[in-house]
């Protein structure tokens, strides 16, 4: 941490990173939010709303914000300067002129040193799906989705029929997005929602080029009535250990389930069986993280399973093989 009463830093941590010991109530920190990494398996964030109260020199003039304000004339070009001090003086004069402009009038500028103003990045729009979208009928038919699937809260980030990903969000955030778009995107929203459908690179021969993501099939498994394959624990281990496996290596139960399903995306379900091998070391007997890691690796190496709830995987059925769409980290 930083030393008290100084601006010195230890490992890049300054005292200004933290509220002051006294008088912190005046900062209005109760209107901010801190997101801790261990709460939802993400990075750490500090969220606050900041209001711009003055002009930013790199923005273009905004006529809609204040149409009554007259935009000042451009700075007249001066003769080339040769000394460094003269260049700095001229840049300071131009910056001062921009800062003195009335609120709502922003101009892009360039100094004699050739600096160009930053234009910013235009985010992709949030396009909510309509009941008439062909993709809804296609995915509903493919997976046998029930009629109460929350399509009204689903959206894409690409215009036209080429939808590479479909996201879903809550009812409240849907209203916030719709209100923001109706107000000409007054708030810049970069990202939101959970990806439930994504494009598959193995779409050759499939009735759809989209499939359920791993997160999507876990959350909305109850809406699915087609393309579900129940597999044994040994099948699940084979699929997790290999990029893909031959259909002939599946158990008789898994082979019977998958043989009549056409090529395309599927959802694997591994239910805990009554004869699951229980771990020889219980969690209460493990006294350190090292022992926990060693015990876990030993159980995986011996192909011992002790699942207590169903495991659901997004997968693919090819002509003669099957695979999972699970990341390396999730497999471990």
C-alpha atoms as a PDB file:
ATOM      1  CA  UNK A   1       0.000   0.000   0.000  1.00  0.00           C
ATOM      2  CA  UNK A   2       1.016   3.616  -0.323  1.00  0.00           C
ATOM      3  CA  UNK A   3       2.518   5.497   2.574  1.00  0.00           C
ATOM      4  CA  UNK A   4       0.041   7.653   4.450  1.00  0.00           C
ATOM      5  CA  UNK A   5       0.124  11.323   3.617  1.00  0.00           C
ATOM      6  CA  UNK A   6       2.361  10.816   0.564  1.00  0.00           C
ATOM      7  CA  UNK A   7       1.891  10.134  -3.116  1.00  0.00           C
ATOM      8  CA  UNK A   8       4.544   7.441  -3.151  1.00  0.00           C
ATOM      9  CA  UNK A   9       3.494   4.064  -4.496  1.00  0.00           C
ATOM     10  CA  UNK A  10       4.434   0.503  -3.674  1.00  0.00           C
ATOM     11  CA  UNK A  11       3.932  -1.843  -6.652  1.00  0.00           C
ATOM     12  CA  UNK A  12       1.751   0.689  -8.455  1.00  0.00           C
ATOM     13  CA  UNK A  13      -0.742   1.197  -5.585  1.00  0.00           C
ATOM     14  CA  UNK A  14      -1.440   4.811  -4.664  1.00  0.00           C
ATOM     15  CA  UNK A  15      -3.269   6.255  -1.703  1.00  0.00           C
ATOM     16  CA  UNK A  16      -5.787   7.823  -4.093  1.00  0.00           C
ATOM     17  CA  UNK A  17      -7.011   4.309  -4.916  1.00  0.00           C
ATOM     18  CA  UNK A  18      -8.832   4.281  -1.564  1.00  0.00           C
ATOM     19  CA  UNK A  19     -11.367   6.623   0.095  1.00  0.00           C
ATOM     20  CA  UNK A  20      -9.837   9.117   2.531  1.00  0.00           C
ATOM     21  CA  UNK A  21      -9.794   8.168   6.221  1.00  0.00           C
ATOM     22  CA  UNK A  22     -12.051  11.136   7.024  1.00  0.00           C
ATOM     23  CA  UNK A  23     -14.495  13.136   4.954  1.00  0.00           C
ATOM     24  CA  UNK A  24     -15.204  10.253   2.582  1.00  0.00           C
ATOM     25  CA  UNK A  25     -18.979  10.760   2.807  1.00  0.00           C
ATOM     26  CA  UNK A  26     -18.720  13.771   0.510  1.00  0.00           C
ATOM     27  CA  UNK A  27     -17.628  11.531  -2.375  1.00  0.00           C
ATOM     28  CA  UNK A  28     -21.043   9.838  -2.627  1.00  0.00           C
ATOM     29  CA  UNK A  29     -19.502   6.347  -2.641  1.00  0.00           C
ATOM     30  CA  UNK A  30     -22.865   4.871  -1.620  1.00  0.00           C
ATOM     31  CA  UNK A  31     -23.952   5.460  -5.224  1.00  0.00           C
ATOM     32  CA  UNK A  32     -21.105   3.310  -6.571  1.00  0.00           C
ATOM     33  CA  UNK A  33     -20.678  -0.448  -6.801  1.00  0.00           C
ATOM     34  CA  UNK A  34     -17.689  -2.707  -6.290  1.00  0.00           C
ATOM     35  CA  UNK A  35     -17.671  -6.158  -7.917  1.00  0.00           C
ATOM     36  CA  UNK A  36     -15.351  -8.666  -6.282  1.00  0.00           C
ATOM     37  CA  UNK A  37     -13.737 -11.417  -8.402  1.00  0.00           C
ATOM     38  CA  UNK A  38     -14.753 -14.292  -6.121  1.00  0.00           C
ATOM     39  CA  UNK A  39     -18.442 -13.363  -6.143  1.00  0.00           C
ATOM     40  CA  UNK A  40     -19.120 -14.315  -9.763  1.00  0.00           C
ATOM     41  CA  UNK A  41     -15.838 -15.701 -11.118  1.00  0.00           C
ATOM     42  CA  UNK A  42     -14.909 -12.519 -12.988  1.00  0.00           C
ATOM     43  CA  UNK A  43     -12.356  -9.743 -12.746  1.00  0.00           C
ATOM     44  CA  UNK A  44     -12.655  -6.990 -10.163  1.00  0.00           C
ATOM     45  CA  UNK A  45     -14.576  -3.865 -11.119  1.00  0.00           C
ATOM     46  CA  UNK A  46     -15.489  -0.519  -9.620  1.00  0.00           C
ATOM     47  CA  UNK A  47     -18.642   0.872 -11.218  1.00  0.00           C
ATOM     48  CA  UNK A  48     -19.626   4.532 -11.086  1.00  0.00           C
ATOM     49  CA  UNK A  49     -21.558   6.961 -13.285  1.00  0.00           C
ATOM     50  CA  UNK A  50     -19.503   9.994 -14.298  1.00  0.00           C
ATOM     51  CA  UNK A  51     -21.199  13.074 -15.751  1.00  0.00           C
ATOM     52  CA  UNK A  52     -19.320  15.203 -18.244  1.00  0.00           C
ATOM     53  CA  UNK A  53     -19.631  18.873 -17.303  1.00  0.00           C
ATOM     54  CA  UNK A  54     -17.311  20.406 -19.865  1.00  0.00           C
ATOM     55  CA  UNK A  55     -16.193  20.068 -23.483  1.00  0.00           C
ATOM     56  CA  UNK A  56     -13.835  17.362 -24.673  1.00  0.00           C
ATOM     57  CA  UNK A  57     -11.485  18.643 -27.371  1.00  0.00           C
ATOM     58  CA  UNK A  58     -11.374  15.450 -29.456  1.00  0.00           C
ATOM     59  CA  UNK A  59     -15.154  15.193 -30.078  1.00  0.00           C
ATOM     60  CA  UNK A  60     -16.882  16.524 -33.149  1.00  0.00           C
ATOM     61  CA  UNK A  61     -19.406  19.384 -32.781  1.00  0.00           C
ATOM     62  CA  UNK A  62     -22.750  18.121 -31.435  1.00  0.00           C
ATOM     63  CA  UNK A  63     -25.435  20.292 -33.034  1.00  0.00           C
ATOM     64  CA  UNK A  64     -28.277  18.285 -31.486  1.00  0.00           C
ATOM     65  CA  UNK A  65     -27.072  19.028 -27.956  1.00  0.00           C
ATOM     66  CA  UNK A  66     -27.248  22.810 -28.299  1.00  0.00           C
ATOM     67  CA  UNK A  67     -28.491  24.110 -31.617  1.00  0.00           C
ATOM     68  CA  UNK A  68     -28.734  27.647 -30.232  1.00  0.00           C
ATOM     69  CA  UNK A  69     -25.028  27.936 -29.552  1.00  0.00           C
ATOM     70  CA  UNK A  70     -22.918  29.371 -32.289  1.00  0.00           C
ATOM     71  CA  UNK A  71     -19.866  27.318 -33.153  1.00  0.00           C
ATOM     72  CA  UNK A  72     -16.746  29.478 -32.951  1.00  0.00           C
ATOM     73  CA  UNK A  73     -14.752  30.019 -36.081  1.00  0.00           C
ATOM     74  CA  UNK A  74     -11.750  27.830 -36.737  1.00  0.00           C
ATOM     75  CA  UNK A  75      -8.345  28.908 -35.538  1.00  0.00           C
ATOM     76  CA  UNK A  76      -6.521  30.783 -38.236  1.00  0.00           C
ATOM     77  CA  UNK A  77      -3.363  29.147 -39.489  1.00  0.00           C
ATOM     78  CA  UNK A  78      -0.146  30.774 -38.418  1.00  0.00           C
ATOM     79  CA  UNK A  79       3.179  30.801 -40.125  1.00  0.00           C
ATOM     80  CA  UNK A  80       5.375  27.798 -39.470  1.00  0.00           C
ATOM     81  CA  UNK A  81       7.401  28.006 -36.297  1.00  0.00           C
ATOM     82  CA  UNK A  82      10.870  26.675 -35.843  1.00  0.00           C
ATOM     83  CA  UNK A  83      11.553  26.724 -32.119  1.00  0.00           C
ATOM     84  CA  UNK A  84      10.276  24.173 -29.631  1.00  0.00           C
ATOM     85  CA  UNK A  85       9.107  26.893 -27.206  1.00  0.00           C
ATOM     86  CA  UNK A  86       7.049  28.540 -29.945  1.00  0.00           C
ATOM     87  CA  UNK A  87       5.334  25.230 -30.769  1.00  0.00           C
ATOM     88  CA  UNK A  88       4.423  24.607 -27.130  1.00  0.00           C
ATOM     89  CA  UNK A  89       3.114  28.175 -26.769  1.00  0.00           C
ATOM     90  CA  UNK A  90       0.915  27.846 -29.867  1.00  0.00           C
ATOM     91  CA  UNK A  91      -0.473  24.466 -28.684  1.00  0.00           C
ATOM     92  CA  UNK A  92      -1.312  25.981 -25.320  1.00  0.00           C
ATOM     93  CA  UNK A  93      -3.199  28.842 -26.986  1.00  0.00           C
ATOM     94  CA  UNK A  94      -5.271  26.471 -29.131  1.00  0.00           C
ATOM     95  CA  UNK A  95      -6.103  24.253 -26.165  1.00  0.00           C
ATOM     96  CA  UNK A  96      -7.162  27.312 -24.143  1.00  0.00           C
ATOM     97  CA  UNK A  97      -9.502  28.417 -26.940  1.00  0.00           C
ATOM     98  CA  UNK A  98     -11.159  25.000 -26.978  1.00  0.00           C
ATOM     99  CA  UNK A  99     -11.596  24.960 -23.195  1.00  0.00           C
ATOM    100  CA  UNK A 100     -13.316  28.359 -23.372  1.00  0.00           C
ATOM    101  CA  UNK A 101     -16.003  27.164 -25.782  1.00  0.00           C
ATOM    102  CA  UNK A 102     -19.555  27.037 -24.372  1.00  0.00           C
ATOM    103  CA  UNK A 103     -20.927  23.718 -23.073  1.00  0.00           C
ATOM    104  CA  UNK A 104     -22.353  21.518 -25.824  1.00  0.00           C
ATOM    105  CA  UNK A 105     -19.974  22.700 -28.553  1.00  0.00           C
ATOM    106  CA  UNK A 106     -17.121  20.318 -29.199  1.00  0.00           C
ATOM    107  CA  UNK A 107     -14.620  20.583 -31.998  1.00  0.00           C
ATOM    108  CA  UNK A 108     -12.041  18.283 -33.438  1.00  0.00           C
ATOM    109  CA  UNK A 109      -8.686  19.980 -33.569  1.00  0.00           C
ATOM    110  CA  UNK A 110      -5.116  19.447 -34.636  1.00  0.00           C
ATOM    111  CA  UNK A 111      -2.128  21.289 -33.303  1.00  0.00           C
ATOM    112  CA  UNK A 112       0.909  22.340 -35.243  1.00  0.00           C
ATOM    113  CA  UNK A 113       2.630  19.140 -34.038  1.00  0.00           C
ATOM    114  CA  UNK A 114       0.268  17.090 -36.209  1.00  0.00           C
ATOM    115  CA  UNK A 115      -1.857  15.566 -33.372  1.00  0.00           C
ATOM    116  CA  UNK A 116      -5.231  14.299 -34.523  1.00  0.00           C
ATOM    117  CA  UNK A 117      -8.216  14.050 -32.207  1.00  0.00           C
ATOM    118  CA  UNK A 118      -9.496  10.615 -31.157  1.00  0.00           C
ATOM    119  CA  UNK A 119     -12.735   9.653 -32.918  1.00  0.00           C
ATOM    120  CA  UNK A 120     -13.746   6.794 -30.626  1.00  0.00           C
ATOM    121  CA  UNK A 121     -15.208   3.370 -31.426  1.00  0.00           C
ATOM    122  CA  UNK A 122     -18.757   2.724 -32.503  1.00  0.00           C
ATOM    123  CA  UNK A 123     -20.249  -0.257 -30.677  1.00  0.00           C
ATOM    124  CA  UNK A 124     -22.438  -2.791 -32.469  1.00  0.00           C
ATOM    125  CA  UNK A 125     -26.179  -2.282 -31.879  1.00  0.00           C
ATOM    126  CA  UNK A 126     -28.377  -4.455 -29.665  1.00  0.00           C
ATOM    127  CA  UNK A 127     -31.000  -5.923 -32.017  1.00  0.00           C
ATOM    128  CA  UNK A 128     -33.752  -7.799 -30.205  1.00  0.00           C
ATOM    129  CA  UNK A 129     -35.267 -10.749 -31.996  1.00  0.00           C
ATOM    130  CA  UNK A 130     -38.836 -10.680 -33.268  1.00  0.00           C
ATOM    131  CA  UNK A 131     -41.297 -13.543 -33.445  1.00  0.00           C
ATOM    132  CA  UNK A 132     -41.105 -13.384 -37.235  1.00  0.00           C
ATOM    133  CA  UNK A 133     -37.337 -14.097 -37.341  1.00  0.00           C
ATOM    134  CA  UNK A 134     -36.536 -17.237 -39.316  1.00  0.00           C
ATOM    135  CA  UNK A 135     -33.808 -18.186 -36.852  1.00  0.00           C
ATOM    136  CA  UNK A 136     -36.368 -18.610 -34.054  1.00  0.00           C
ATOM    137  CA  UNK A 137     -38.362 -21.126 -36.061  1.00  0.00           C
ATOM    138  CA  UNK A 138     -35.172 -22.892 -37.160  1.00  0.00           C
ATOM    139  CA  UNK A 139     -33.717 -23.327 -33.664  1.00  0.00           C
ATOM    140  CA  UNK A 140     -37.090 -24.154 -32.109  1.00  0.00           C
ATOM    141  CA  UNK A 141     -37.584 -26.940 -34.640  1.00  0.00           C
ATOM    142  CA  UNK A 142     -33.997 -28.195 -34.289  1.00  0.00           C
ATOM    143  CA  UNK A 143     -34.000 -28.531 -30.488  1.00  0.00           C
ATOM    144  CA  UNK A 144     -37.743 -28.901 -29.968  1.00  0.00           C
ATOM    145  CA  UNK A 145     -37.803 -25.785 -27.794  1.00  0.00           C
ATOM    146  CA  UNK A 146     -40.988 -25.185 -25.831  1.00  0.00           C
ATOM    147  CA  UNK A 147     -43.227 -22.251 -26.708  1.00  0.00           C
ATOM    148  CA  UNK A 148     -42.395 -20.388 -23.489  1.00  0.00           C
ATOM    149  CA  UNK A 149     -38.706 -20.027 -24.387  1.00  0.00           C
ATOM    150  CA  UNK A 150     -37.842 -16.354 -23.599  1.00  0.00           C
ATOM    151  CA  UNK A 151     -37.143 -15.224 -27.181  1.00  0.00           C
ATOM    152  CA  UNK A 152     -38.353 -11.704 -26.376  1.00  0.00           C
ATOM    153  CA  UNK A 153     -35.240 -11.202 -24.223  1.00  0.00           C
ATOM    154  CA  UNK A 154     -32.833 -12.516 -26.884  1.00  0.00           C
ATOM    155  CA  UNK A 155     -30.790 -10.205 -29.080  1.00  0.00           C
ATOM    156  CA  UNK A 156     -27.942 -10.194 -31.591  1.00  0.00           C
ATOM    157  CA  UNK A 157     -25.152  -7.713 -32.295  1.00  0.00           C
ATOM    158  CA  UNK A 158     -25.246  -8.027 -36.092  1.00  0.00           C
ATOM    159  CA  UNK A 159     -27.762  -6.630 -38.534  1.00  0.00           C
ATOM    160  CA  UNK A 160     -29.313  -8.698 -41.320  1.00  0.00           C
ATOM    161  CA  UNK A 161     -29.831 -12.431 -41.474  1.00  0.00           C
ATOM    162  CA  UNK A 162     -26.204 -13.404 -40.720  1.00  0.00           C
ATOM    163  CA  UNK A 163     -26.489 -13.947 -36.959  1.00  0.00           C
ATOM    164  CA  UNK A 164     -23.300 -15.414 -35.512  1.00  0.00           C
ATOM    165  CA  UNK A 165     -24.299 -15.230 -31.844  1.00  0.00           C
ATOM    166  CA  UNK A 166     -27.550 -14.872 -29.929  1.00  0.00           C
ATOM    167  CA  UNK A 167     -27.493 -13.454 -26.408  1.00  0.00           C
ATOM    168  CA  UNK A 168     -30.103 -13.294 -23.682  1.00  0.00           C
ATOM    169  CA  UNK A 169     -30.605 -10.883 -20.814  1.00  0.00           C
ATOM    170  CA  UNK A 170     -33.136 -10.135 -18.101  1.00  0.00           C
ATOM    171  CA  UNK A 171     -36.421  -8.288 -18.503  1.00  0.00           C
ATOM    172  CA  UNK A 172     -35.098  -5.212 -16.683  1.00  0.00           C
ATOM    173  CA  UNK A 173     -31.940  -4.928 -18.792  1.00  0.00           C
ATOM    174  CA  UNK A 174     -34.029  -5.445 -21.944  1.00  0.00           C
ATOM    175  CA  UNK A 175     -36.080  -2.380 -20.991  1.00  0.00           C
ATOM    176  CA  UNK A 176     -32.914  -0.379 -20.257  1.00  0.00           C
ATOM    177  CA  UNK A 177     -31.449  -1.248 -23.670  1.00  0.00           C
ATOM    178  CA  UNK A 178     -34.690  -0.375 -25.465  1.00  0.00           C
ATOM    179  CA  UNK A 179     -34.979   2.955 -23.625  1.00  0.00           C
ATOM    180  CA  UNK A 180     -31.352   3.808 -24.354  1.00  0.00           C
ATOM    181  CA  UNK A 181     -31.763   3.114 -28.065  1.00  0.00           C
ATOM    182  CA  UNK A 182     -34.948   5.212 -28.153  1.00  0.00           C
ATOM    183  CA  UNK A 183     -32.898   8.099 -26.732  1.00  0.00           C
ATOM    184  CA  UNK A 184     -30.234   7.907 -29.441  1.00  0.00           C
ATOM    185  CA  UNK A 185     -27.896   5.780 -27.263  1.00  0.00           C
ATOM    186  CA  UNK A 186     -27.370   8.459 -24.637  1.00  0.00           C
ATOM    187  CA  UNK A 187     -25.418   5.922 -22.558  1.00  0.00           C
ATOM    188  CA  UNK A 188     -22.650   3.989 -24.296  1.00  0.00           C
ATOM    189  CA  UNK A 189     -23.256   0.316 -23.452  1.00  0.00           C
ATOM    190  CA  UNK A 190     -20.352  -1.885 -24.493  1.00  0.00           C
ATOM    191  CA  UNK A 191     -21.558  -5.378 -23.624  1.00  0.00           C
ATOM    192  CA  UNK A 192     -24.255  -7.238 -21.726  1.00  0.00           C
ATOM    193  CA  UNK A 193     -26.119 -10.516 -21.710  1.00  0.00           C
ATOM    194  CA  UNK A 194     -25.201 -14.207 -21.822  1.00  0.00           C
ATOM    195  CA  UNK A 195     -24.414 -15.988 -25.079  1.00  0.00           C
ATOM    196  CA  UNK A 196     -26.865 -18.867 -25.503  1.00  0.00           C
ATOM    197  CA  UNK A 197     -26.427 -19.699 -29.203  1.00  0.00           C
ATOM    198  CA  UNK A 198     -23.244 -19.441 -31.232  1.00  0.00           C
ATOM    199  CA  UNK A 199     -22.040 -20.278 -34.722  1.00  0.00           C
ATOM    200  CA  UNK A 200     -20.619 -23.727 -35.283  1.00  0.00           C
ATOM    201  CA  UNK A 201     -17.631 -24.244 -37.554  1.00  0.00           C
ATOM    202  CA  UNK A 202     -18.881 -27.803 -38.156  1.00  0.00           C
ATOM    203  CA  UNK A 203     -22.160 -26.738 -39.733  1.00  0.00           C
ATOM    204  CA  UNK A 204     -21.696 -28.823 -42.924  1.00  0.00           C
ATOM    205  CA  UNK A 205     -24.643 -31.206 -43.121  1.00  0.00           C
ATOM    206  CA  UNK A 206     -26.368 -29.618 -40.129  1.00  0.00           C
ATOM    207  CA  UNK A 207     -29.909 -28.208 -40.340  1.00  0.00           C
ATOM    208  CA  UNK A 208     -28.646 -25.019 -38.661  1.00  0.00           C
ATOM    209  CA  UNK A 209     -25.352 -23.120 -38.501  1.00  0.00           C
ATOM    210  CA  UNK A 210     -26.061 -22.136 -34.877  1.00  0.00           C
ATOM    211  CA  UNK A 211     -25.890 -24.351 -31.801  1.00  0.00           C
ATOM    212  CA  UNK A 212     -26.373 -24.061 -28.068  1.00  0.00           C
ATOM    213  CA  UNK A 213     -23.339 -22.742 -26.212  1.00  0.00           C
ATOM    214  CA  UNK A 214     -22.170 -24.610 -23.120  1.00  0.00           C
ATOM    215  CA  UNK A 215     -23.686 -21.960 -20.841  1.00  0.00           C
ATOM    216  CA  UNK A 216     -26.891 -21.903 -22.880  1.00  0.00           C
ATOM    217  CA  UNK A 217     -27.661 -25.609 -22.772  1.00  0.00           C
ATOM    218  CA  UNK A 218     -26.932 -25.731 -19.040  1.00  0.00           C
ATOM    219  CA  UNK A 219     -29.358 -22.928 -18.223  1.00  0.00           C
ATOM    220  CA  UNK A 220     -32.129 -23.737 -20.723  1.00  0.00           C
ATOM    221  CA  UNK A 221     -31.925 -27.526 -20.683  1.00  0.00           C
ATOM    222  CA  UNK A 222     -35.506 -27.729 -19.428  1.00  0.00           C
ATOM    223  CA  UNK A 223     -36.783 -26.143 -22.659  1.00  0.00           C
ATOM    224  CA  UNK A 224     -35.125 -28.772 -24.910  1.00  0.00           C
ATOM    225  CA  UNK A 225     -37.054 -31.844 -26.100  1.00  0.00           C
ATOM    226  CA  UNK A 226     -34.984 -32.989 -29.124  1.00  0.00           C
ATOM    227  CA  UNK A 227     -31.383 -33.989 -29.868  1.00  0.00           C
ATOM    228  CA  UNK A 228     -30.713 -35.072 -26.278  1.00  0.00           C
ATOM    229  CA  UNK A 229     -28.389 -38.034 -25.719  1.00  0.00           C
ATOM    230  CA  UNK A 230     -28.037 -39.753 -22.340  1.00  0.00           C
ATOM    231  CA  UNK A 231     -24.531 -41.142 -21.861  1.00  0.00           C
ATOM    232  CA  UNK A 232     -22.793 -43.122 -19.149  1.00  0.00           C
ATOM    233  CA  UNK A 233     -20.016 -41.872 -16.908  1.00  0.00           C
ATOM    234  CA  UNK A 234     -17.416 -43.779 -18.957  1.00  0.00           C
ATOM    235  CA  UNK A 235     -18.722 -42.080 -22.121  1.00  0.00           C
ATOM    236  CA  UNK A 236     -18.415 -38.674 -20.448  1.00  0.00           C
ATOM    237  CA  UNK A 237     -14.813 -39.398 -19.443  1.00  0.00           C
ATOM    238  CA  UNK A 238     -13.893 -40.428 -22.988  1.00  0.00           C
ATOM    239  CA  UNK A 239     -15.458 -37.288 -24.457  1.00  0.00           C
ATOM    240  CA  UNK A 240     -13.720 -35.061 -21.905  1.00  0.00           C
ATOM    241  CA  UNK A 241     -10.308 -36.670 -22.414  1.00  0.00           C
ATOM    242  CA  UNK A 242     -10.360 -36.620 -26.228  1.00  0.00           C
ATOM    243  CA  UNK A 243     -11.025 -34.030 -28.907  1.00  0.00           C
ATOM    244  CA  UNK A 244     -13.488 -36.474 -30.495  1.00  0.00           C
ATOM    245  CA  UNK A 245     -14.252 -40.195 -30.230  1.00  0.00           C
ATOM    246  CA  UNK A 246     -15.629 -42.776 -32.606  1.00  0.00           C
ATOM    247  CA  UNK A 247     -19.293 -43.633 -32.113  1.00  0.00           C
ATOM    248  CA  UNK A 248     -18.295 -47.283 -31.803  1.00  0.00           C
ATOM    249  CA  UNK A 249     -16.468 -46.461 -28.538  1.00  0.00           C
ATOM    250  CA  UNK A 250     -19.667 -45.326 -26.840  1.00  0.00           C
ATOM    251  CA  UNK A 251     -21.400 -47.605 -24.400  1.00  0.00           C
ATOM    252  CA  UNK A 252     -24.385 -49.603 -25.697  1.00  0.00           C
ATOM    253  CA  UNK A 253     -26.675 -47.098 -23.979  1.00  0.00           C
ATOM    254  CA  UNK A 254     -24.990 -44.084 -25.619  1.00  0.00           C
ATOM    255  CA  UNK A 255     -24.840 -45.745 -29.039  1.00  0.00           C
ATOM    256  CA  UNK A 256     -28.529 -46.613 -28.879  1.00  0.00           C
ATOM    257  CA  UNK A 257     -29.383 -43.021 -27.965  1.00  0.00           C
ATOM    258  CA  UNK A 258     -27.331 -41.356 -30.688  1.00  0.00           C
ATOM    259  CA  UNK A 259     -27.719 -43.691 -33.670  1.00  0.00           C
ATOM    260  CA  UNK A 260     -31.022 -42.221 -34.920  1.00  0.00           C
ATOM    261  CA  UNK A 261     -30.052 -38.548 -34.465  1.00  0.00           C
ATOM    262  CA  UNK A 262     -29.008 -36.804 -37.721  1.00  0.00           C
ATOM    263  CA  UNK A 263     -25.702 -34.972 -38.102  1.00  0.00           C
ATOM    264  CA  UNK A 264     -25.609 -31.714 -36.168  1.00  0.00           C
ATOM    265  CA  UNK A 265     -25.532 -30.262 -32.661  1.00  0.00           C
ATOM    266  CA  UNK A 266     -26.651 -32.382 -29.733  1.00  0.00           C
ATOM    267  CA  UNK A 267     -26.878 -32.104 -25.952  1.00  0.00           C
ATOM    268  CA  UNK A 268     -25.203 -34.830 -23.883  1.00  0.00           C
ATOM    269  CA  UNK A 269     -26.587 -35.692 -20.433  1.00  0.00           C
ATOM    270  CA  UNK A 270     -24.626 -37.756 -17.940  1.00  0.00           C
ATOM    271  CA  UNK A 271     -26.753 -38.807 -14.985  1.00  0.00           C
ATOM    272  CA  UNK A 272     -25.196 -40.079 -11.745  1.00  0.00           C
ATOM    273  CA  UNK A 273     -25.605 -43.830 -11.487  1.00  0.00           C
ATOM    274  CA  UNK A 274     -26.216 -45.862  -8.366  1.00  0.00           C
ATOM    275  CA  UNK A 275     -22.916 -47.723  -8.739  1.00  0.00           C
ATOM    276  CA  UNK A 276     -20.736 -44.615  -9.090  1.00  0.00           C
ATOM    277  CA  UNK A 277     -17.369 -45.145  -7.480  1.00  0.00           C
ATOM    278  CA  UNK A 278     -17.141 -42.946  -4.401  1.00  0.00           C
ATOM    279  CA  UNK A 279     -13.890 -41.099  -3.672  1.00  0.00           C
ATOM    280  CA  UNK A 280     -11.525 -42.907  -1.344  1.00  0.00           C
ATOM    281  CA  UNK A 281     -10.676 -39.569   0.292  1.00  0.00           C
ATOM    282  CA  UNK A 282     -13.546 -37.445   1.546  1.00  0.00           C
ATOM    283  CA  UNK A 283     -13.376 -33.615   1.561  1.00  0.00           C
ATOM    284  CA  UNK A 284     -13.259 -33.592   5.376  1.00  0.00           C
ATOM    285  CA  UNK A 285     -10.067 -35.666   5.307  1.00  0.00           C
ATOM    286  CA  UNK A 286      -8.248 -33.251   2.998  1.00  0.00           C
ATOM    287  CA  UNK A 287      -6.245 -30.760   5.052  1.00  0.00           C
ATOM    288  CA  UNK A 288      -4.452 -28.702   2.393  1.00  0.00           C
ATOM    289  CA  UNK A 289      -4.909 -27.488  -1.205  1.00  0.00           C
ATOM    290  CA  UNK A 290      -1.932 -29.645  -2.230  1.00  0.00           C
ATOM    291  CA  UNK A 291      -3.652 -32.774  -0.918  1.00  0.00           C
ATOM    292  CA  UNK A 292      -6.884 -31.738  -2.651  1.00  0.00           C
ATOM    293  CA  UNK A 293      -5.134 -31.294  -5.994  1.00  0.00           C
ATOM    294  CA  UNK A 294      -3.246 -34.584  -5.610  1.00  0.00           C
ATOM    295  CA  UNK A 295      -6.415 -36.478  -4.721  1.00  0.00           C
ATOM    296  CA  UNK A 296      -8.313 -35.006  -7.670  1.00  0.00           C
ATOM    297  CA  UNK A 297      -5.585 -35.915 -10.162  1.00  0.00           C
ATOM    298  CA  UNK A 298      -5.371 -39.455  -8.779  1.00  0.00           C
ATOM    299  CA  UNK A 299      -9.131 -39.962  -9.134  1.00  0.00           C
ATOM    300  CA  UNK A 300      -9.112 -38.668 -12.715  1.00  0.00           C
ATOM    301  CA  UNK A 301      -6.164 -40.906 -13.582  1.00  0.00           C
ATOM    302  CA  UNK A 302      -7.977 -43.956 -12.220  1.00  0.00           C
ATOM    303  CA  UNK A 303     -11.164 -42.996 -14.124  1.00  0.00           C
ATOM    304  CA  UNK A 304     -13.184 -42.878 -10.944  1.00  0.00           C
ATOM    305  CA  UNK A 305     -16.417 -40.870 -11.005  1.00  0.00           C
ATOM    306  CA  UNK A 306     -18.440 -39.642  -8.091  1.00  0.00           C
ATOM    307  CA  UNK A 307     -20.833 -37.130  -9.651  1.00  0.00           C
ATOM    308  CA  UNK A 308     -23.922 -36.367  -7.614  1.00  0.00           C
ATOM    309  CA  UNK A 309     -25.938 -34.295 -10.124  1.00  0.00           C
ATOM    310  CA  UNK A 310     -26.505 -34.472 -13.908  1.00  0.00           C
ATOM    311  CA  UNK A 311     -23.768 -33.127 -16.175  1.00  0.00           C
ATOM    312  CA  UNK A 312     -24.914 -31.377 -19.352  1.00  0.00           C
ATOM    313  CA  UNK A 313     -22.625 -30.770 -22.335  1.00  0.00           C
ATOM    314  CA  UNK A 314     -23.018 -29.027 -25.669  1.00  0.00           C
ATOM    315  CA  UNK A 315     -21.756 -31.389 -28.350  1.00  0.00           C
ATOM    316  CA  UNK A 316     -21.756 -32.453 -31.974  1.00  0.00           C
ATOM    317  CA  UNK A 317     -22.690 -35.644 -33.775  1.00  0.00           C
ATOM    318  CA  UNK A 318     -20.782 -36.291 -37.006  1.00  0.00           C
ATOM    319  CA  UNK A 319     -21.073 -39.244 -39.397  1.00  0.00           C
ATOM    320  CA  UNK A 320     -18.861 -41.581 -37.395  1.00  0.00           C
ATOM    321  CA  UNK A 321     -17.760 -39.559 -34.383  1.00  0.00           C
ATOM    322  CA  UNK A 322     -18.908 -37.278 -31.552  1.00  0.00           C
ATOM    323  CA  UNK A 323     -17.294 -34.441 -29.622  1.00  0.00           C
ATOM    324  CA  UNK A 324     -17.936 -31.799 -26.951  1.00  0.00           C
ATOM    325  CA  UNK A 325     -17.860 -28.022 -27.279  1.00  0.00           C
ATOM    326  CA  UNK A 326     -16.200 -27.534 -23.902  1.00  0.00           C
ATOM    327  CA  UNK A 327     -13.074 -25.470 -23.276  1.00  0.00           C
ATOM    328  CA  UNK A 328      -9.881 -27.011 -21.987  1.00  0.00           C
ATOM    329  CA  UNK A 329     -10.278 -25.202 -18.675  1.00  0.00           C
ATOM    330  CA  UNK A 330     -13.841 -26.482 -18.210  1.00  0.00           C
ATOM    331  CA  UNK A 331     -12.770 -30.040 -19.004  1.00  0.00           C
ATOM    332  CA  UNK A 332     -10.203 -29.942 -16.225  1.00  0.00           C
END
